[in-house]
Amino acid sequence: MIKPTASFKENLQQLPSIDDLTRIDLVDQAGAVHASIENLPGKQGSLAVYQYLHGIFGTIDATAAAHGLAVFAEHTSDAKNRPGAHPNIDILLDIVNGGTTLNTRPFSN
């Protein structure tokens, strides 16, 4: 497990490669897809964080979500100040605040 710094860019450098990943689905307990994060420009940082959380925690519960928020570093405070601007961080904030645990389902090339 990485020790997150105050810089998202630095944290990303510590995470595993996402080169072979096409997307990751976030699935609720009923099996419904809550969200999908694709390997596209502008989404790759989030994809890397969620893949990392998948590898370390398996599911995104409150503990995993709190760690993910630390990895997102400065973007977490921006997300708190601007709800909706960072939807993938909003998911983690919701879980930390008592929302439903999500399972992760990665898809590779």
PDB file of N, CA and C in Angstrom:
ATOM      1  N   MET A   1       0.855  -1.168   0.000  1.00  0.00           N
ATOM      2  CA  MET A   1       0.000   0.000   0.000  1.00  0.00           C
ATOM      3  C   MET A   1       0.907   1.238   0.000  1.00  0.00           C
ATOM      4  N   ILE A   2       0.547   2.199  -0.838  1.00  0.00           N
ATOM      5  CA  ILE A   2       1.354   3.412  -0.895  1.00  0.00           C
ATOM      6  C   ILE A   2       1.014   4.334   0.274  1.00  0.00           C
ATOM      7  N   LYS A   3       1.951   5.217   0.588  1.00  0.00           N
ATOM      8  CA  LYS A   3       1.684   6.287   1.549  1.00  0.00           C
ATOM      9  C   LYS A   3       1.430   7.532   0.720  1.00  0.00           C
ATOM     10  N   PRO A   4       0.159   7.956   0.614  1.00  0.00           N
ATOM     11  CA  PRO A   4      -0.156   9.096  -0.249  1.00  0.00           C
ATOM     12  C   PRO A   4       0.548  10.376   0.192  1.00  0.00           C
ATOM     13  N   THR A   5       0.958  11.152  -0.789  1.00  0.00           N
ATOM     14  CA  THR A   5       1.537  12.468  -0.557  1.00  0.00           C
ATOM     15  C   THR A   5       0.435  13.507  -0.760  1.00  0.00           C
ATOM     16  N   ALA A   6       0.796  14.768  -0.674  1.00  0.00           N
ATOM     17  CA  ALA A   6      -0.169  15.851  -0.886  1.00  0.00           C
ATOM     18  C   ALA A   6      -0.355  16.166  -2.363  1.00  0.00           C
ATOM     19  N   SER A   7       0.334  15.419  -3.243  1.00  0.00           N
ATOM     20  CA  SER A   7       0.287  15.680  -4.682  1.00  0.00           C
ATOM     21  C   SER A   7      -0.284  14.478  -5.436  1.00  0.00           C
ATOM     22  N   PHE A   8      -1.386  14.707  -6.127  1.00  0.00           N
ATOM     23  CA  PHE A   8      -1.988  13.637  -6.922  1.00  0.00           C
ATOM     24  C   PHE A   8      -1.004  13.135  -7.972  1.00  0.00           C
ATOM     25  N   LYS A   9      -0.289  14.033  -8.619  1.00  0.00           N
ATOM     26  CA  LYS A   9       0.681  13.643  -9.641  1.00  0.00           C
ATOM     27  C   LYS A   9       1.733  12.699  -9.062  1.00  0.00           C
ATOM     28  N   GLU A  10       2.239  13.014  -7.882  1.00  0.00           N
ATOM     29  CA  GLU A  10       3.223  12.137  -7.240  1.00  0.00           C
ATOM     30  C   GLU A  10       2.607  10.798  -6.867  1.00  0.00           C
ATOM     31  N   ASN A  11       1.382  10.822  -6.392  1.00  0.00           N
ATOM     32  CA  ASN A  11       0.709   9.573  -6.028  1.00  0.00           C
ATOM     33  C   ASN A  11       0.504   8.681  -7.243  1.00  0.00           C
ATOM     34  N   LEU A  12       0.119   9.279  -8.372  1.00  0.00           N
ATOM     35  CA  LEU A  12      -0.081   8.492  -9.592  1.00  0.00           C
ATOM     36  C   LEU A  12       1.184   7.757 -10.008  1.00  0.00           C
ATOM     37  N   GLN A  13       2.320   8.372  -9.784  1.00  0.00           N
ATOM     38  CA  GLN A  13       3.599   7.750 -10.160  1.00  0.00           C
ATOM     39  C   GLN A  13       3.884   6.492  -9.353  1.00  0.00           C
ATOM     40  N   GLN A  14       3.218   6.338  -8.213  1.00  0.00           N
ATOM     41  CA  GLN A  14       3.415   5.164  -7.361  1.00  0.00           C
ATOM     42  C   GLN A  14       2.445   4.024  -7.678  1.00  0.00           C
ATOM     43  N   LEU A  15       1.455   4.296  -8.535  1.00  0.00           N
ATOM     44  CA  LEU A  15       0.414   3.305  -8.810  1.00  0.00           C
ATOM     45  C   LEU A  15       0.784   2.414  -9.983  1.00  0.00           C
ATOM     46  N   PRO A  16       0.227   1.196 -10.017  1.00  0.00           N
ATOM     47  CA  PRO A  16       0.486   0.281 -11.131  1.00  0.00           C
ATOM     48  C   PRO A  16      -0.008   0.852 -12.466  1.00  0.00           C
ATOM     49  N   SER A  17       0.586   0.377 -13.526  1.00  0.00           N
ATOM     50  CA  SER A  17       0.210   0.788 -14.879  1.00  0.00           C
ATOM     51  C   SER A  17      -1.228   0.364 -15.187  1.00  0.00           C
ATOM     52  N   ILE A  18      -1.891   1.174 -15.998  1.00  0.00           N
ATOM     53  CA  ILE A  18      -3.244   0.832 -16.465  1.00  0.00           C
ATOM     54  C   ILE A  18      -3.243   0.538 -17.960  1.00  0.00           C
ATOM     55  N   ASP A  19      -2.062   0.338 -18.539  1.00  0.00           N
ATOM     56  CA  ASP A  19      -1.931   0.141 -19.980  1.00  0.00           C
ATOM     57  C   ASP A  19      -2.806  -0.986 -20.517  1.00  0.00           C
ATOM     58  N   ASP A  20      -2.975  -2.069 -19.753  1.00  0.00           N
ATOM     59  CA  ASP A  20      -3.744  -3.212 -20.236  1.00  0.00           C
ATOM     60  C   ASP A  20      -5.220  -3.142 -19.848  1.00  0.00           C
ATOM     61  N   LEU A  21      -5.627  -2.075 -19.190  1.00  0.00           N
ATOM     62  CA  LEU A  21      -7.007  -1.946 -18.719  1.00  0.00           C
ATOM     63  C   LEU A  21      -7.847  -1.148 -19.707  1.00  0.00           C
ATOM     64  N   THR A  22      -9.046  -1.635 -20.014  1.00  0.00           N
ATOM     65  CA  THR A  22      -9.952  -0.871 -20.872  1.00  0.00           C
ATOM     66  C   THR A  22     -10.938  -0.055 -20.039  1.00  0.00           C
ATOM     67  N   ARG A  23     -11.367  -0.641 -18.899  1.00  0.00           N
ATOM     68  CA  ARG A  23     -12.277   0.071 -18.007  1.00  0.00           C
ATOM     69  C   ARG A  23     -12.386  -0.697 -16.698  1.00  0.00           C
ATOM     70  N   ILE A  24     -13.002  -0.035 -15.739  1.00  0.00           N
ATOM     71  CA  ILE A  24     -13.364  -0.696 -14.486  1.00  0.00           C
ATOM     72  C   ILE A  24     -14.799  -0.297 -14.174  1.00  0.00           C
ATOM     73  N   ASP A  25     -15.610  -1.283 -13.847  1.00  0.00           N
ATOM     74  CA  ASP A  25     -16.990  -1.032 -13.453  1.00  0.00           C
ATOM     75  C   ASP A  25     -17.082  -1.051 -11.937  1.00  0.00           C
ATOM     76  N   LEU A  26     -17.902  -0.177 -11.401  1.00  0.00           N
ATOM     77  CA  LEU A  26     -18.202  -0.143  -9.975  1.00  0.00           C
ATOM     78  C   LEU A  26     -19.604  -0.688  -9.819  1.00  0.00           C
ATOM     79  N   VAL A  27     -19.723  -1.799  -9.119  1.00  0.00           N
ATOM     80  CA  VAL A  27     -20.958  -2.571  -9.081  1.00  0.00           C
ATOM     81  C   VAL A  27     -21.501  -2.610  -7.657  1.00  0.00           C
ATOM     82  N   ASP A  28     -22.806  -2.342  -7.513  1.00  0.00           N
ATOM     83  CA  ASP A  28     -23.405  -2.388  -6.181  1.00  0.00           C
ATOM     84  C   ASP A  28     -23.689  -3.834  -5.774  1.00  0.00           C
ATOM     85  N   GLN A  29     -24.180  -4.003  -4.560  1.00  0.00           N
ATOM     86  CA  GLN A  29     -24.403  -5.343  -4.004  1.00  0.00           C
ATOM     87  C   GLN A  29     -25.457  -6.141  -4.766  1.00  0.00           C
ATOM     88  N   ALA A  30     -26.345  -5.463  -5.485  1.00  0.00           N
ATOM     89  CA  ALA A  30     -27.363  -6.146  -6.287  1.00  0.00           C
ATOM     90  C   ALA A  30     -26.841  -6.541  -7.662  1.00  0.00           C
ATOM     91  N   GLY A  31     -25.595  -6.144  -7.983  1.00  0.00           N
ATOM     92  CA  GLY A  31     -25.009  -6.473  -9.269  1.00  0.00           C
ATOM     93  C   GLY A  31     -25.198  -5.425 -10.346  1.00  0.00           C
ATOM     94  N   ALA A  32     -25.834  -4.317  -9.995  1.00  0.00           N
ATOM     95  CA  ALA A  32     -26.046  -3.240 -10.966  1.00  0.00           C
ATOM     96  C   ALA A  32     -24.789  -2.378 -11.069  1.00  0.00           C
ATOM     97  N   VAL A  33     -24.454  -1.997 -12.294  1.00  0.00           N
ATOM     98  CA  VAL A  33     -23.297  -1.130 -12.513  1.00  0.00           C
ATOM     99  C   VAL A  33     -23.647   0.280 -12.058  1.00  0.00           C
ATOM    100  N   HIS A  34     -22.930   0.751 -11.058  1.00  0.00           N
ATOM    101  CA  HIS A  34     -23.137   2.088 -10.494  1.00  0.00           C
ATOM    102  C   HIS A  34     -22.415   3.131 -11.336  1.00  0.00           C
ATOM    103  N   ALA A  35     -21.227   2.762 -11.847  1.00  0.00           N
ATOM    104  CA  ALA A  35     -20.427   3.663 -12.685  1.00  0.00           C
ATOM    105  C   ALA A  35     -19.387   2.847 -13.433  1.00  0.00           C
ATOM    106  N   SER A  36     -18.913   3.392 -14.554  1.00  0.00           N
ATOM    107  CA  SER A  36     -17.809   2.804 -15.316  1.00  0.00           C
ATOM    108  C   SER A  36     -16.780   3.901 -15.546  1.00  0.00           C
ATOM    109  N   ILE A  37     -15.520   3.523 -15.403  1.00  0.00           N
ATOM    110  CA  ILE A  37     -14.428   4.459 -15.670  1.00  0.00           C
ATOM    111  C   ILE A  37     -13.604   3.847 -16.795  1.00  0.00           C
ATOM    112  N   GLU A  38     -13.580   4.519 -17.937  1.00  0.00           N
ATOM    113  CA  GLU A  38     -12.890   3.994 -19.114  1.00  0.00           C
ATOM    114  C   GLU A  38     -11.474   4.539 -19.207  1.00  0.00           C
ATOM    115  N   ASN A  39     -10.643   3.816 -19.938  1.00  0.00           N
ATOM    116  CA  ASN A  39      -9.257   4.222 -20.153  1.00  0.00           C
ATOM    117  C   ASN A  39      -9.223   5.237 -21.293  1.00  0.00           C
ATOM    118  N   LEU A  40      -9.618   6.458 -20.959  1.00  0.00           N
ATOM    119  CA  LEU A  40      -9.672   7.562 -21.912  1.00  0.00           C
ATOM    120  C   LEU A  40      -8.981   8.773 -21.301  1.00  0.00           C
ATOM    121  N   PRO A  41      -8.436   9.663 -22.128  1.00  0.00           N
ATOM    122  CA  PRO A  41      -7.838  10.883 -21.585  1.00  0.00           C
ATOM    123  C   PRO A  41      -8.830  11.611 -20.677  1.00  0.00           C
ATOM    124  N   GLY A  42      -8.330  12.103 -19.557  1.00  0.00           N
ATOM    125  CA  GLY A  42      -9.172  12.779 -18.588  1.00  0.00           C
ATOM    126  C   GLY A  42      -9.774  11.847 -17.556  1.00  0.00           C
ATOM    127  N   LYS A  43      -9.711  10.546 -17.795  1.00  0.00           N
ATOM    128  CA  LYS A  43     -10.257   9.548 -16.866  1.00  0.00           C
ATOM    129  C   LYS A  43      -9.169   8.610 -16.344  1.00  0.00           C
ATOM    130  N   GLN A  44      -7.980   8.683 -16.937  1.00  0.00           N
ATOM    131  CA  GLN A  44      -6.940   7.704 -16.633  1.00  0.00           C
ATOM    132  C   GLN A  44      -6.427   7.783 -15.201  1.00  0.00           C
ATOM    133  N   GLY A  45      -6.397   8.979 -14.614  1.00  0.00           N
ATOM    134  CA  GLY A  45      -5.997   9.096 -13.210  1.00  0.00           C
ATOM    135  C   GLY A  45      -6.971   8.377 -12.298  1.00  0.00           C
ATOM    136  N   SER A  46      -8.258   8.589 -12.543  1.00  0.00           N
ATOM    137  CA  SER A  46      -9.281   7.902 -11.755  1.00  0.00           C
ATOM    138  C   SER A  46      -9.218   6.399 -11.966  1.00  0.00           C
ATOM    139  N   LEU A  47      -9.018   5.985 -13.202  1.00  0.00           N
ATOM    140  CA  LEU A  47      -8.910   4.557 -13.493  1.00  0.00           C
ATOM    141  C   LEU A  47      -7.747   3.944 -12.718  1.00  0.00           C
ATOM    142  N   ALA A  48      -6.621   4.631 -12.689  1.00  0.00           N
ATOM    143  CA  ALA A  48      -5.443   4.131 -11.966  1.00  0.00           C
ATOM    144  C   ALA A  48      -5.740   4.014 -10.468  1.00  0.00           C
ATOM    145  N   VAL A  49      -6.420   5.007  -9.903  1.00  0.00           N
ATOM    146  CA  VAL A  49      -6.741   4.969  -8.473  1.00  0.00           C
ATOM    147  C   VAL A  49      -7.682   3.806  -8.173  1.00  0.00           C
ATOM    148  N   TYR A  50      -8.725   3.655  -8.959  1.00  0.00           N
ATOM    149  CA  TYR A  50      -9.690   2.590  -8.692  1.00  0.00           C
ATOM    150  C   TYR A  50      -9.090   1.203  -8.939  1.00  0.00           C
ATOM    151  N   GLN A  51      -8.217   1.066  -9.919  1.00  0.00           N
ATOM    152  CA  GLN A  51      -7.543  -0.222 -10.118  1.00  0.00           C
ATOM    153  C   GLN A  51      -6.668  -0.534  -8.910  1.00  0.00           C
ATOM    154  N   TYR A  52      -5.956   0.473  -8.430  1.00  0.00           N
ATOM    155  CA  TYR A  52      -5.116   0.312  -7.248  1.00  0.00           C
ATOM    156  C   TYR A  52      -5.967  -0.100  -6.043  1.00  0.00           C
ATOM    157  N   LEU A  53      -7.086   0.585  -5.818  1.00  0.00           N
ATOM    158  CA  LEU A  53      -7.959   0.231  -4.697  1.00  0.00           C
ATOM    159  C   LEU A  53      -8.486  -1.194  -4.846  1.00  0.00           C
ATOM    160  N   HIS A  54      -8.803  -1.581  -6.071  1.00  0.00           N
ATOM    161  CA  HIS A  54      -9.250  -2.954  -6.343  1.00  0.00           C
ATOM    162  C   HIS A  54      -8.174  -3.953  -5.914  1.00  0.00           C
ATOM    163  N   GLY A  55      -6.936  -3.671  -6.292  1.00  0.00           N
ATOM    164  CA  GLY A  55      -5.844  -4.587  -5.967  1.00  0.00           C
ATOM    165  C   GLY A  55      -5.534  -4.669  -4.485  1.00  0.00           C
ATOM    166  N   ILE A  56      -5.680  -3.575  -3.773  1.00  0.00           N
ATOM    167  CA  ILE A  56      -5.358  -3.541  -2.346  1.00  0.00           C
ATOM    168  C   ILE A  56      -6.535  -4.001  -1.479  1.00  0.00           C
ATOM    169  N   PHE A  57      -7.730  -3.531  -1.784  1.00  0.00           N
ATOM    170  CA  PHE A  57      -8.886  -3.766  -0.915  1.00  0.00           C
ATOM    171  C   PHE A  57      -9.913  -4.742  -1.468  1.00  0.00           C
ATOM    172  N   GLY A  58      -9.979  -4.911  -2.791  1.00  0.00           N
ATOM    173  CA  GLY A  58     -10.966  -5.800  -3.395  1.00  0.00           C
ATOM    174  C   GLY A  58     -12.319  -5.147  -3.594  1.00  0.00           C
ATOM    175  N   THR A  59     -12.830  -4.478  -2.572  1.00  0.00           N
ATOM    176  CA  THR A  59     -14.082  -3.736  -2.665  1.00  0.00           C
ATOM    177  C   THR A  59     -13.824  -2.309  -2.195  1.00  0.00           C
ATOM    178  N   ILE A  60     -14.741  -1.434  -2.540  1.00  0.00           N
ATOM    179  CA  ILE A  60     -14.619  -0.041  -2.113  1.00  0.00           C
ATOM    180  C   ILE A  60     -15.590   0.179  -0.959  1.00  0.00           C
ATOM    181  N   ASP A  61     -15.090  -0.065   0.251  1.00  0.00           N
ATOM    182  CA  ASP A  61     -15.855   0.230   1.457  1.00  0.00           C
ATOM    183  C   ASP A  61     -15.339   1.550   2.026  1.00  0.00           C
ATOM    184  N   ALA A  62     -15.758   1.913   3.234  1.00  0.00           N
ATOM    185  CA  ALA A  62     -15.364   3.203   3.807  1.00  0.00           C
ATOM    186  C   ALA A  62     -13.848   3.311   3.981  1.00  0.00           C
ATOM    187  N   THR A  63     -13.189   2.233   4.358  1.00  0.00           N
ATOM    188  CA  THR A  63     -11.738   2.260   4.546  1.00  0.00           C
ATOM    189  C   THR A  63     -11.029   2.480   3.216  1.00  0.00           C
ATOM    190  N   ALA A  64     -11.422   1.725   2.196  1.00  0.00           N
ATOM    191  CA  ALA A  64     -10.821   1.876   0.867  1.00  0.00           C
ATOM    192  C   ALA A  64     -11.106   3.263   0.304  1.00  0.00           C
ATOM    193  N   ALA A  65     -12.337   3.751   0.492  1.00  0.00           N
ATOM    194  CA  ALA A  65     -12.704   5.066  -0.031  1.00  0.00           C
ATOM    195  C   ALA A  65     -11.884   6.168   0.632  1.00  0.00           C
ATOM    196  N   ALA A  66     -11.672   6.072   1.933  1.00  0.00           N
ATOM    197  CA  ALA A  66     -10.865   7.073   2.635  1.00  0.00           C
ATOM    198  C   ALA A  66      -9.435   7.083   2.112  1.00  0.00           C
ATOM    199  N   HIS A  67      -8.885   5.912   1.868  1.00  0.00           N
ATOM    200  CA  HIS A  67      -7.534   5.835   1.308  1.00  0.00           C
ATOM    201  C   HIS A  67      -7.519   6.420  -0.105  1.00  0.00           C
ATOM    202  N   GLY A  68      -8.532   6.109  -0.891  1.00  0.00           N
ATOM    203  CA  GLY A  68      -8.629   6.658  -2.242  1.00  0.00           C
ATOM    204  C   GLY A  68      -8.692   8.178  -2.235  1.00  0.00           C
ATOM    205  N   LEU A  69      -9.419   8.743  -1.283  1.00  0.00           N
ATOM    206  CA  LEU A  69      -9.492  10.200  -1.177  1.00  0.00           C
ATOM    207  C   LEU A  69      -8.120  10.790  -0.856  1.00  0.00           C
ATOM    208  N   ALA A  70      -7.340  10.091  -0.037  1.00  0.00           N
ATOM    209  CA  ALA A  70      -5.982  10.550   0.255  1.00  0.00           C
ATOM    210  C   ALA A  70      -5.107  10.484  -1.000  1.00  0.00           C
ATOM    211  N   VAL A  71      -5.298   9.458  -1.818  1.00  0.00           N
ATOM    212  CA  VAL A  71      -4.534   9.325  -3.066  1.00  0.00           C
ATOM    213  C   VAL A  71      -4.903  10.447  -4.039  1.00  0.00           C
ATOM    214  N   PHE A  72      -6.174  10.811  -4.097  1.00  0.00           N
ATOM    215  CA  PHE A  72      -6.591  11.908  -4.982  1.00  0.00           C
ATOM    216  C   PHE A  72      -6.055  13.267  -4.511  1.00  0.00           C
ATOM    217  N   ALA A  73      -5.547  13.319  -3.294  1.00  0.00           N
ATOM    218  CA  ALA A  73      -4.834  14.474  -2.739  1.00  0.00           C
ATOM    219  C   ALA A  73      -5.600  15.778  -2.909  1.00  0.00           C
ATOM    220  N   GLU A  74      -4.993  16.750  -3.580  1.00  0.00           N
ATOM    221  CA  GLU A  74      -5.578  18.096  -3.694  1.00  0.00           C
ATOM    222  C   GLU A  74      -6.909  18.101  -4.443  1.00  0.00           C
ATOM    223  N   HIS A  75      -7.162  17.088  -5.240  1.00  0.00           N
ATOM    224  CA  HIS A  75      -8.429  17.033  -5.972  1.00  0.00           C
ATOM    225  C   HIS A  75      -9.612  16.725  -5.044  1.00  0.00           C
ATOM    226  N   THR A  76      -9.324  16.094  -3.897  1.00  0.00           N
ATOM    227  CA  THR A  76     -10.393  15.773  -2.952  1.00  0.00           C
ATOM    228  C   THR A  76     -11.013  17.039  -2.371  1.00  0.00           C
ATOM    229  N   SER A  77     -10.188  17.993  -1.979  1.00  0.00           N
ATOM    230  CA  SER A  77     -10.754  19.232  -1.425  1.00  0.00           C
ATOM    231  C   SER A  77     -11.508  20.009  -2.501  1.00  0.00           C
ATOM    232  N   ASP A  78     -11.027  19.957  -3.736  1.00  0.00           N
ATOM    233  CA  ASP A  78     -11.749  20.616  -4.826  1.00  0.00           C
ATOM    234  C   ASP A  78     -13.108  19.949  -5.044  1.00  0.00           C
ATOM    235  N   ALA A  79     -13.147  18.630  -4.960  1.00  0.00           N
ATOM    236  CA  ALA A  79     -14.407  17.904  -5.130  1.00  0.00           C
ATOM    237  C   ALA A  79     -15.391  18.246  -4.019  1.00  0.00           C
ATOM    238  N   LYS A  80     -14.883  18.407  -2.796  1.00  0.00           N
ATOM    239  CA  LYS A  80     -15.768  18.775  -1.685  1.00  0.00           C
ATOM    240  C   LYS A  80     -16.354  20.173  -1.885  1.00  0.00           C
ATOM    241  N   ASN A  81     -15.561  21.066  -2.460  1.00  0.00           N
ATOM    242  CA  ASN A  81     -16.010  22.443  -2.686  1.00  0.00           C
ATOM    243  C   ASN A  81     -16.873  22.601  -3.928  1.00  0.00           C
ATOM    244  N   ARG A  82     -16.753  21.640  -4.862  1.00  0.00           N
ATOM    245  CA  ARG A  82     -17.500  21.731  -6.120  1.00  0.00           C
ATOM    246  C   ARG A  82     -18.149  20.378  -6.443  1.00  0.00           C
ATOM    247  N   PRO A  83     -19.187  19.996  -5.707  1.00  0.00           N
ATOM    248  CA  PRO A  83     -19.843  18.714  -5.970  1.00  0.00           C
ATOM    249  C   PRO A  83     -20.226  18.587  -7.448  1.00  0.00           C
ATOM    250  N   GLY A  84     -19.935  17.427  -7.999  1.00  0.00           N
ATOM    251  CA  GLY A  84     -20.240  17.161  -9.400  1.00  0.00           C
ATOM    252  C   GLY A  84     -19.080  17.423 -10.335  1.00  0.00           C
ATOM    253  N   ALA A  85     -18.089  18.184  -9.898  1.00  0.00           N
ATOM    254  CA  ALA A  85     -16.943  18.488 -10.760  1.00  0.00           C
ATOM    255  C   ALA A  85     -16.001  17.289 -10.908  1.00  0.00           C
ATOM    256  N   HIS A  86     -15.988  16.420  -9.932  1.00  0.00           N
ATOM    257  CA  HIS A  86     -15.129  15.233  -9.932  1.00  0.00           C
ATOM    258  C   HIS A  86     -15.981  14.012  -9.562  1.00  0.00           C
ATOM    259  N   PRO A  87     -16.770  13.492 -10.495  1.00  0.00           N
ATOM    260  CA  PRO A  87     -17.725  12.431 -10.145  1.00  0.00           C
ATOM    261  C   PRO A  87     -17.090  11.175  -9.548  1.00  0.00           C
ATOM    262  N   ASN A  88     -15.870  10.840  -9.961  1.00  0.00           N
ATOM    263  CA  ASN A  88     -15.245   9.631  -9.416  1.00  0.00           C
ATOM    264  C   ASN A  88     -14.768   9.831  -7.989  1.00  0.00           C
ATOM    265  N   ILE A  89     -14.470  11.068  -7.616  1.00  0.00           N
ATOM    266  CA  ILE A  89     -14.149  11.370  -6.221  1.00  0.00           C
ATOM    267  C   ILE A  89     -15.449  11.466  -5.422  1.00  0.00           C
ATOM    268  N   ASP A  90     -16.493  12.004  -6.034  1.00  0.00           N
ATOM    269  CA  ASP A  90     -17.804  12.086  -5.366  1.00  0.00           C
ATOM    270  C   ASP A  90     -18.269  10.706  -4.920  1.00  0.00           C
ATOM    271  N   ILE A  91     -17.996   9.684  -5.700  1.00  0.00           N
ATOM    272  CA  ILE A  91     -18.376   8.310  -5.336  1.00  0.00           C
ATOM    273  C   ILE A  91     -17.696   7.922  -4.028  1.00  0.00           C
ATOM    274  N   LEU A  92     -16.402   8.212  -3.918  1.00  0.00           N
ATOM    275  CA  LEU A  92     -15.658   7.876  -2.695  1.00  0.00           C
ATOM    276  C   LEU A  92     -16.172   8.685  -1.503  1.00  0.00           C
ATOM    277  N   LEU A  93     -16.457   9.956  -1.723  1.00  0.00           N
ATOM    278  CA  LEU A  93     -17.005  10.788  -0.649  1.00  0.00           C
ATOM    279  C   LEU A  93     -18.333  10.231  -0.154  1.00  0.00           C
ATOM    280  N   ASP A  94     -19.169   9.773  -1.076  1.00  0.00           N
ATOM    281  CA  ASP A  94     -20.460   9.184  -0.703  1.00  0.00           C
ATOM    282  C   ASP A  94     -20.260   7.936   0.152  1.00  0.00           C
ATOM    283  N   ILE A  95     -19.326   7.089  -0.230  1.00  0.00           N
ATOM    284  CA  ILE A  95     -19.084   5.855   0.518  1.00  0.00           C
ATOM    285  C   ILE A  95     -18.550   6.170   1.912  1.00  0.00           C
ATOM    286  N   VAL A  96     -17.614   7.111   2.017  1.00  0.00           N
ATOM    287  CA  VAL A  96     -17.071   7.509   3.324  1.00  0.00           C
ATOM    288  C   VAL A  96     -18.184   8.047   4.229  1.00  0.00           C
ATOM    289  N   ASN A  97     -19.154   8.699   3.622  1.00  0.00           N
ATOM    290  CA  ASN A  97     -20.260   9.284   4.386  1.00  0.00           C
ATOM    291  C   ASN A  97     -21.429   8.315   4.590  1.00  0.00           C
ATOM    292  N   GLY A  98     -21.172   7.010   4.458  1.00  0.00           N
ATOM    293  CA  GLY A  98     -22.190   6.013   4.757  1.00  0.00           C
ATOM    294  C   GLY A  98     -22.851   5.385   3.556  1.00  0.00           C
ATOM    295  N   GLY A  99     -22.394   5.720   2.358  1.00  0.00           N
ATOM    296  CA  GLY A  99     -22.970   5.133   1.149  1.00  0.00           C
ATOM    297  C   GLY A  99     -22.640   3.656   1.007  1.00  0.00           C
ATOM    298  N   THR A 100     -23.232   3.050   0.028  1.00  0.00           N
ATOM    299  CA  THR A 100     -23.088   1.623  -0.229  1.00  0.00           C
ATOM    300  C   THR A 100     -21.695   1.242  -0.679  1.00  0.00           C
ATOM    301  N   THR A 101     -21.181   0.142  -0.140  1.00  0.00           N
ATOM    302  CA  THR A 101     -19.929  -0.445  -0.604  1.00  0.00           C
ATOM    303  C   THR A 101     -20.097  -0.897  -2.043  1.00  0.00           C
ATOM    304  N   LEU A 102     -19.068  -0.660  -2.853  1.00  0.00           N
ATOM    305  CA  LEU A 102     -19.113  -1.068  -4.255  1.00  0.00           C
ATOM    306  C   LEU A 102     -18.032  -2.102  -4.540  1.00  0.00           C
ATOM    307  N   ASN A 103     -18.372  -3.060  -5.383  1.00  0.00           N
ATOM    308  CA  ASN A 103     -17.386  -4.017  -5.884  1.00  0.00           C
ATOM    309  C   ASN A 103     -16.758  -3.438  -7.141  1.00  0.00           C
ATOM    310  N   THR A 104     -15.538  -3.837  -7.417  1.00  0.00           N
ATOM    311  CA  THR A 104     -14.849  -3.373  -8.614  1.00  0.00           C
ATOM    312  C   THR A 104     -14.709  -4.528  -9.590  1.00  0.00           C
ATOM    313  N   ARG A 105     -14.918  -4.235 -10.860  1.00  0.00           N
ATOM    314  CA  ARG A 105     -14.823  -5.257 -11.908  1.00  0.00           C
ATOM    315  C   ARG A 105     -13.979  -4.687 -13.041  1.00  0.00           C
ATOM    316  N   PRO A 106     -12.658  -5.011 -13.044  1.00  0.00           N
ATOM    317  CA  PRO A 106     -11.791  -4.496 -14.115  1.00  0.00           C
ATOM    318  C   PRO A 106     -11.923  -5.318 -15.401  1.00  0.00           C
ATOM    319  N   PHE A 107     -11.730  -4.649 -16.531  1.00  0.00           N
ATOM    320  CA  PHE A 107     -11.754  -5.283 -17.849  1.00  0.00           C
ATOM    321  C   PHE A 107     -10.442  -4.960 -18.553  1.00  0.00           C
ATOM    322  N   SER A 108      -9.766  -5.978 -19.057  1.00  0.00           N
ATOM    323  CA  SER A 108      -8.479  -5.818 -19.719  1.00  0.00           C
ATOM    324  C   SER A 108      -8.621  -5.955 -21.221  1.00  0.00           C
ATOM    325  N   ASN A 109      -7.589  -5.474 -21.917  1.00  0.00           N
ATOM    326  CA  ASN A 109      -7.531  -5.597 -23.396  1.00  0.00           C
ATOM    327  C   ASN A 109      -7.454  -7.054 -23.785  1.00  0.00           C
TER     328      ASN A 109
END
